[in-house]
Structures are given as C-alpha cells and as structure tokens.
N, C-alpha and C. Protein backbone atom coordinates (compact mmCIF):
# COMPACT_ATOMS: atom_id res chain seq x y z
N MET A 1 110.23 164.19 125.97
CA MET A 1 109.45 164.90 124.97
C MET A 1 108.32 165.62 125.66
N SER A 2 108.13 166.86 125.34
CA SER A 2 107.06 167.63 125.98
C SER A 2 105.72 167.25 125.37
N THR A 3 104.66 167.48 126.13
CA THR A 3 103.32 167.17 125.66
C THR A 3 103.00 167.96 124.39
N ALA A 4 103.41 169.22 124.35
CA ALA A 4 103.09 170.07 123.20
C ALA A 4 103.71 169.57 121.92
N SER A 5 104.81 168.84 122.01
CA SER A 5 105.47 168.39 120.79
C SER A 5 104.92 167.07 120.27
N LYS A 6 104.01 166.44 120.99
CA LYS A 6 103.52 165.13 120.58
C LYS A 6 102.76 165.16 119.26
N THR A 7 102.05 166.23 118.96
CA THR A 7 101.29 166.25 117.72
C THR A 7 102.03 167.01 116.62
N ARG A 8 103.20 167.48 116.92
CA ARG A 8 104.01 168.17 115.90
C ARG A 8 104.77 167.14 115.10
N THR A 9 105.03 167.46 113.85
CA THR A 9 105.85 166.61 113.01
C THR A 9 107.16 167.33 112.78
N ASP A 10 108.07 166.66 112.12
CA ASP A 10 109.34 167.30 111.78
C ASP A 10 109.16 168.22 110.58
N ALA A 11 108.01 168.16 109.95
CA ALA A 11 107.76 169.01 108.79
C ALA A 11 107.72 170.46 109.22
N PRO A 12 108.27 171.35 108.41
CA PRO A 12 108.31 172.75 108.80
C PRO A 12 106.94 173.40 108.87
N ASP A 13 105.94 172.79 108.22
CA ASP A 13 104.64 173.46 108.18
C ASP A 13 103.65 172.94 109.20
N GLY A 14 104.07 172.09 110.12
CA GLY A 14 103.13 171.93 111.17
C GLY A 14 102.78 170.67 111.87
N LEU A 15 101.51 170.48 112.00
CA LEU A 15 100.92 169.49 112.87
C LEU A 15 100.80 168.13 112.21
N ASP A 16 100.74 167.10 113.03
CA ASP A 16 100.55 165.74 112.56
C ASP A 16 99.05 165.53 112.33
N THR A 17 98.60 165.91 111.16
CA THR A 17 97.17 165.86 110.88
C THR A 17 96.63 164.43 110.89
N GLY A 18 97.47 163.47 110.56
CA GLY A 18 97.04 162.06 110.61
C GLY A 18 96.69 161.62 112.02
N ALA A 19 97.52 162.00 112.98
CA ALA A 19 97.26 161.64 114.39
C ALA A 19 96.01 162.35 114.90
N ILE A 20 95.83 163.59 114.48
CA ILE A 20 94.65 164.34 114.92
C ILE A 20 93.40 163.72 114.33
N ARG A 21 93.44 163.41 113.03
CA ARG A 21 92.29 162.78 112.37
C ARG A 21 91.94 161.44 113.01
N ALA A 22 92.97 160.67 113.37
CA ALA A 22 92.74 159.37 114.01
C ALA A 22 92.08 159.54 115.37
N ALA A 23 92.51 160.53 116.15
CA ALA A 23 91.90 160.77 117.46
C ALA A 23 90.44 161.19 117.32
N VAL A 24 90.16 162.03 116.33
CA VAL A 24 88.79 162.46 116.08
C VAL A 24 87.94 161.27 115.63
N ALA A 25 88.45 160.48 114.71
CA ALA A 25 87.70 159.32 114.20
C ALA A 25 87.41 158.32 115.31
N THR A 26 88.38 158.11 116.18
CA THR A 26 88.18 157.17 117.29
C THR A 26 87.06 157.65 118.21
N ALA A 27 87.09 158.93 118.54
CA ALA A 27 86.08 159.48 119.45
C ALA A 27 84.68 159.49 118.84
N LEU A 28 84.61 159.65 117.52
CA LEU A 28 83.31 159.74 116.87
C LEU A 28 82.82 158.42 116.26
N ALA A 29 83.64 157.38 116.38
CA ALA A 29 83.28 156.09 115.78
C ALA A 29 82.03 155.53 116.44
N PRO A 30 81.09 155.06 115.61
CA PRO A 30 79.91 154.43 116.19
C PRO A 30 80.30 153.09 116.80
N GLY A 31 79.62 152.71 117.82
CA GLY A 31 79.92 151.43 118.45
C GLY A 31 78.68 150.85 119.09
N VAL A 32 78.74 149.56 119.34
CA VAL A 32 77.62 148.88 119.98
C VAL A 32 77.58 149.23 121.47
N ALA A 33 78.77 149.37 122.06
CA ALA A 33 78.85 149.71 123.48
C ALA A 33 79.71 150.95 123.67
N MET A 34 79.45 151.65 124.75
CA MET A 34 80.24 152.83 125.09
C MET A 34 81.63 152.36 125.53
N PRO A 35 82.67 153.11 125.15
CA PRO A 35 84.03 152.74 125.60
C PRO A 35 84.13 152.84 127.12
N SER A 36 85.17 152.24 127.66
CA SER A 36 85.40 152.32 129.10
C SER A 36 85.71 153.76 129.49
N ARG A 37 85.52 154.08 130.75
CA ARG A 37 85.80 155.43 131.23
C ARG A 37 87.29 155.75 131.07
N VAL A 38 88.13 154.77 131.27
CA VAL A 38 89.58 154.98 131.09
C VAL A 38 89.88 155.38 129.65
N SER A 39 89.25 154.71 128.70
CA SER A 39 89.45 155.04 127.27
C SER A 39 88.89 156.41 126.94
N ILE A 40 87.74 156.72 127.51
CA ILE A 40 87.12 158.03 127.27
C ILE A 40 88.04 159.13 127.79
N ASP A 41 88.54 158.97 129.01
CA ASP A 41 89.40 159.99 129.61
C ASP A 41 90.71 160.15 128.83
N ALA A 42 91.27 159.05 128.37
CA ALA A 42 92.52 159.12 127.57
C ALA A 42 92.26 159.84 126.25
N GLY A 43 91.15 159.52 125.60
CA GLY A 43 90.80 160.18 124.35
C GLY A 43 90.55 161.66 124.56
N CYS A 44 89.92 162.00 125.66
CA CYS A 44 89.64 163.40 125.98
C CYS A 44 90.94 164.17 126.16
N ARG A 45 91.88 163.60 126.91
CA ARG A 45 93.18 164.28 127.11
C ARG A 45 93.89 164.48 125.78
N SER A 46 93.87 163.48 124.93
CA SER A 46 94.51 163.57 123.62
C SER A 46 93.86 164.66 122.77
N LEU A 47 92.54 164.69 122.75
CA LEU A 47 91.82 165.69 121.96
C LEU A 47 92.05 167.10 122.50
N LEU A 48 92.11 167.26 123.81
CA LEU A 48 92.40 168.57 124.39
C LEU A 48 93.77 169.07 123.94
N GLN A 49 94.76 168.17 123.88
CA GLN A 49 96.09 168.57 123.43
C GLN A 49 96.06 168.95 121.95
N HIS A 50 95.35 168.17 121.15
CA HIS A 50 95.24 168.49 119.73
C HIS A 50 94.54 169.84 119.54
N LEU A 51 93.50 170.08 120.31
CA LEU A 51 92.80 171.36 120.20
C LEU A 51 93.72 172.51 120.57
N GLU A 52 94.49 172.34 121.64
CA GLU A 52 95.44 173.38 122.04
C GLU A 52 96.44 173.66 120.92
N ASP A 53 96.95 172.60 120.30
CA ASP A 53 97.90 172.77 119.19
C ASP A 53 97.26 173.49 118.01
N LEU A 54 96.05 173.08 117.65
CA LEU A 54 95.36 173.70 116.53
C LEU A 54 95.02 175.16 116.81
N MET A 55 94.64 175.46 118.03
CA MET A 55 94.29 176.83 118.39
C MET A 55 95.52 177.74 118.42
N GLY A 56 96.70 177.15 118.50
CA GLY A 56 97.93 177.92 118.50
C GLY A 56 98.35 178.42 117.13
N GLU A 57 97.66 177.98 116.10
CA GLU A 57 97.96 178.42 114.74
C GLU A 57 97.30 179.78 114.47
N ASP A 58 97.80 180.47 113.47
CA ASP A 58 97.26 181.79 113.11
C ASP A 58 96.23 181.62 111.99
N TYR A 59 94.97 181.88 112.30
CA TYR A 59 93.90 181.74 111.32
C TYR A 59 93.33 183.08 110.87
N ASP A 60 93.99 184.16 111.19
CA ASP A 60 93.53 185.50 110.82
C ASP A 60 92.07 185.70 111.25
N VAL A 61 91.87 185.51 112.55
CA VAL A 61 90.54 185.55 113.14
C VAL A 61 89.83 186.87 112.86
N GLY A 62 90.58 187.96 112.78
CA GLY A 62 89.96 189.25 112.53
C GLY A 62 89.23 189.34 111.21
N ARG A 63 89.67 188.54 110.23
CA ARG A 63 89.05 188.60 108.89
C ARG A 63 88.27 187.35 108.53
N ARG A 64 88.28 186.37 109.40
CA ARG A 64 87.62 185.11 109.08
C ARG A 64 86.57 184.78 110.12
N PRO A 65 85.31 185.04 109.81
CA PRO A 65 84.25 184.78 110.79
C PRO A 65 84.15 183.31 111.20
N GLU A 66 84.47 182.40 110.29
CA GLU A 66 84.39 180.97 110.63
C GLU A 66 85.43 180.62 111.69
N ALA A 67 86.60 181.24 111.61
CA ALA A 67 87.64 181.00 112.62
C ALA A 67 87.20 181.60 113.95
N ARG A 68 86.65 182.78 113.91
CA ARG A 68 86.18 183.44 115.13
C ARG A 68 85.10 182.59 115.80
N ALA A 69 84.20 182.03 115.01
CA ALA A 69 83.13 181.18 115.56
C ALA A 69 83.70 179.94 116.22
N LEU A 70 84.75 179.36 115.64
CA LEU A 70 85.37 178.19 116.25
C LEU A 70 86.02 178.53 117.58
N TYR A 71 86.70 179.66 117.65
CA TYR A 71 87.31 180.07 118.91
C TYR A 71 86.24 180.33 119.97
N THR A 72 85.11 180.88 119.58
CA THR A 72 84.02 181.10 120.53
C THR A 72 83.49 179.77 121.06
N ALA A 73 83.29 178.82 120.16
CA ALA A 73 82.83 177.49 120.57
C ALA A 73 83.86 176.82 121.46
N ALA A 74 85.13 176.98 121.13
CA ALA A 74 86.20 176.35 121.91
C ALA A 74 86.26 176.91 123.32
N SER A 75 86.02 178.19 123.47
CA SER A 75 86.09 178.77 124.82
C SER A 75 85.03 178.15 125.72
N ASP A 76 83.87 177.83 125.17
CA ASP A 76 82.83 177.18 125.96
C ASP A 76 83.22 175.74 126.29
N VAL A 77 83.72 175.01 125.31
CA VAL A 77 84.11 173.61 125.52
C VAL A 77 85.27 173.50 126.50
N LEU A 78 86.20 174.45 126.43
CA LEU A 78 87.38 174.40 127.30
C LEU A 78 87.12 174.93 128.70
N ASP A 79 85.99 175.56 128.92
CA ASP A 79 85.65 176.06 130.25
C ASP A 79 85.65 174.88 131.23
N LYS A 80 86.45 174.99 132.27
CA LYS A 80 86.58 173.88 133.23
C LYS A 80 85.24 173.47 133.84
N ALA A 81 84.30 174.40 133.92
CA ALA A 81 82.99 174.07 134.47
C ALA A 81 82.25 173.05 133.60
N HIS A 82 82.59 172.98 132.31
CA HIS A 82 81.91 172.05 131.40
C HIS A 82 82.65 170.73 131.23
N ARG A 83 83.88 170.65 131.69
CA ARG A 83 84.66 169.43 131.53
C ARG A 83 84.23 168.35 132.51
N PRO A 84 84.31 167.10 132.07
CA PRO A 84 83.94 166.02 133.00
C PRO A 84 84.98 165.91 134.13
N THR A 85 84.50 165.49 135.27
CA THR A 85 85.36 165.25 136.42
C THR A 85 85.29 163.76 136.77
N ALA A 86 86.02 163.37 137.78
CA ALA A 86 85.97 161.97 138.23
C ALA A 86 84.56 161.59 138.68
N GLU A 87 83.81 162.58 139.14
CA GLU A 87 82.44 162.31 139.61
C GLU A 87 81.42 162.30 138.47
N SER A 88 81.79 162.76 137.30
CA SER A 88 80.87 162.78 136.16
C SER A 88 80.54 161.36 135.74
N SER A 89 79.36 161.20 135.20
CA SER A 89 78.98 159.87 134.71
C SER A 89 79.80 159.51 133.47
N GLN A 90 79.89 158.24 133.21
CA GLN A 90 80.61 157.77 132.02
C GLN A 90 79.96 158.35 130.76
N PHE A 91 78.64 158.39 130.75
CA PHE A 91 77.93 158.91 129.59
C PHE A 91 78.24 160.38 129.36
N SER A 92 78.24 161.21 130.41
CA SER A 92 78.51 162.63 130.22
C SER A 92 79.95 162.86 129.78
N ALA A 93 80.88 162.05 130.27
CA ALA A 93 82.28 162.16 129.82
C ALA A 93 82.39 161.78 128.34
N TRP A 94 81.66 160.74 127.94
CA TRP A 94 81.67 160.29 126.55
C TRP A 94 81.06 161.35 125.64
N GLN A 95 79.96 161.93 126.09
CA GLN A 95 79.29 162.97 125.31
C GLN A 95 80.19 164.19 125.15
N TYR A 96 80.85 164.62 126.23
CA TYR A 96 81.78 165.74 126.17
C TYR A 96 82.91 165.45 125.18
N THR A 97 83.45 164.25 125.25
CA THR A 97 84.57 163.87 124.38
C THR A 97 84.13 163.87 122.92
N ARG A 98 82.94 163.43 122.63
CA ARG A 98 82.44 163.46 121.26
C ARG A 98 82.24 164.90 120.77
N ASN A 99 81.72 165.77 121.62
CA ASN A 99 81.59 167.18 121.26
C ASN A 99 82.96 167.81 121.02
N LEU A 100 83.90 167.47 121.87
CA LEU A 100 85.27 167.96 121.73
C LEU A 100 85.86 167.48 120.40
N ALA A 101 85.63 166.22 120.07
CA ALA A 101 86.15 165.66 118.82
C ALA A 101 85.58 166.39 117.60
N ALA A 102 84.30 166.72 117.66
CA ALA A 102 83.69 167.46 116.54
C ALA A 102 84.35 168.83 116.39
N LEU A 103 84.63 169.48 117.50
CA LEU A 103 85.28 170.78 117.46
C LEU A 103 86.71 170.67 116.94
N VAL A 104 87.44 169.66 117.40
CA VAL A 104 88.80 169.43 116.90
C VAL A 104 88.76 169.17 115.40
N GLY A 105 87.78 168.40 114.95
CA GLY A 105 87.64 168.13 113.52
C GLY A 105 87.39 169.40 112.72
N ALA A 106 86.59 170.31 113.26
CA ALA A 106 86.32 171.58 112.57
C ALA A 106 87.59 172.43 112.52
N PHE A 107 88.35 172.48 113.61
CA PHE A 107 89.62 173.22 113.60
C PHE A 107 90.60 172.58 112.63
N LEU A 108 90.60 171.25 112.57
CA LEU A 108 91.50 170.56 111.65
C LEU A 108 91.14 170.88 110.20
N ASP A 109 89.85 170.95 109.89
CA ASP A 109 89.43 171.33 108.54
C ASP A 109 89.92 172.74 108.20
N LEU A 110 89.79 173.66 109.16
CA LEU A 110 90.27 175.02 108.96
C LEU A 110 91.78 175.04 108.74
N TYR A 111 92.49 174.27 109.55
CA TYR A 111 93.95 174.19 109.45
C TYR A 111 94.39 173.63 108.10
N THR A 112 93.78 172.52 107.68
CA THR A 112 94.20 171.89 106.42
C THR A 112 93.85 172.78 105.23
N ALA A 113 92.71 173.47 105.28
CA ALA A 113 92.36 174.40 104.20
C ALA A 113 93.37 175.53 104.12
N GLN A 114 93.77 176.02 105.27
CA GLN A 114 94.75 177.10 105.29
C GLN A 114 96.11 176.61 104.77
N GLN A 115 96.51 175.41 105.17
CA GLN A 115 97.77 174.86 104.70
C GLN A 115 97.74 174.66 103.18
N ALA A 116 96.61 174.18 102.66
CA ALA A 116 96.47 173.99 101.22
C ALA A 116 96.55 175.32 100.49
N ALA A 117 95.90 176.34 101.04
CA ALA A 117 95.91 177.66 100.39
C ALA A 117 97.31 178.26 100.38
N GLN A 118 98.08 177.99 101.41
CA GLN A 118 99.44 178.53 101.48
C GLN A 118 100.39 177.82 100.52
N HIS A 119 100.02 176.61 100.13
CA HIS A 119 100.89 175.85 99.23
C HIS A 119 100.47 175.89 97.78
N VAL A 120 99.38 176.59 97.48
CA VAL A 120 98.92 176.73 96.10
C VAL A 120 99.79 177.77 95.42
N ARG A 121 100.33 177.39 94.31
CA ARG A 121 101.17 178.33 93.56
C ARG A 121 100.28 179.13 92.62
N PRO A 122 100.58 180.41 92.47
CA PRO A 122 99.75 181.22 91.56
C PRO A 122 99.89 180.72 90.13
N THR A 123 98.78 180.74 89.42
CA THR A 123 98.84 180.35 88.02
C THR A 123 99.20 181.57 87.19
N HIS A 124 99.89 181.32 86.12
CA HIS A 124 100.31 182.41 85.24
C HIS A 124 99.41 182.39 84.00
N SER A 125 98.79 183.48 83.74
CA SER A 125 97.95 183.54 82.55
C SER A 125 98.77 184.10 81.40
N GLY A 126 98.58 183.51 80.27
CA GLY A 126 99.29 183.97 79.08
C GLY A 126 100.77 183.61 79.16
N GLY A 127 101.52 184.14 78.26
CA GLY A 127 102.96 183.91 78.27
C GLY A 127 103.33 182.54 77.74
N GLN A 128 104.61 182.22 77.84
CA GLN A 128 105.10 180.96 77.31
C GLN A 128 104.96 179.86 78.34
N ARG A 129 104.89 178.66 77.84
CA ARG A 129 104.83 177.49 78.71
C ARG A 129 106.10 176.75 78.65
C-alpha cells in the first residue's frame, strides 16, 4: 500500500476524516508530560501525510481567500528550513507538530465544509410535495 493511499477511504468522495481528526486530536491533546521524541516524530510524519492529502483537493483557491490563506500558511510550515531535524530539541519538534496539527485541522474544516456543500441538495420552493 502506498503512503498516499493510507488516509484515503474506499468512499468515492475522499479522505478518511476520522483518521485525520484523530491525528490532530492526539497532537493537540493536553498532557502532564511531553510525549517521547519517537512519538512526536511519528505524529509529525502522519500529519505531514494528512496535510499533503488535504492540499491535493480542489478548494477553488482563486475565489476563496480562506483557502488561499491556508495554502500560504502551509508553504511556511512545509518549508524544510522550519521542520525539526534529529538535532532539534524535543520541545521544538513538539511545538512544530502542534502547529502542524492546527493547520491540518483548519484544512480538514475546509475540506469537510466543502464536502457538505457538495452533498446538499437544492430545496424546491413551491410546487407539490
């Protein structure tokens, strides 16, 4: 199974929003102690894949300033110069992962709103019922 297909469902309309929401919730969950660096790095890789999948959708960026703003924010977050490395502190990797999770959550909100709008049937005014 390819990495890109991990967050896809068999549904014709798209992404596994439950898995994405779970990854975001895990990264943003409050805790008494910071997760291990191994957990942080695994969560970061998962969130990066989810972000890539979400960014692959068509949000009509030309007409939607909120979508354009998310892509602008994503370009900064995805810049390799800002990503944690093996030499980065555990705290900076955790902080990056939390920022990434917030961005993935915002893209997920945009995606789910778009999916809902596409599935809304037009109402008919007047006429017979």
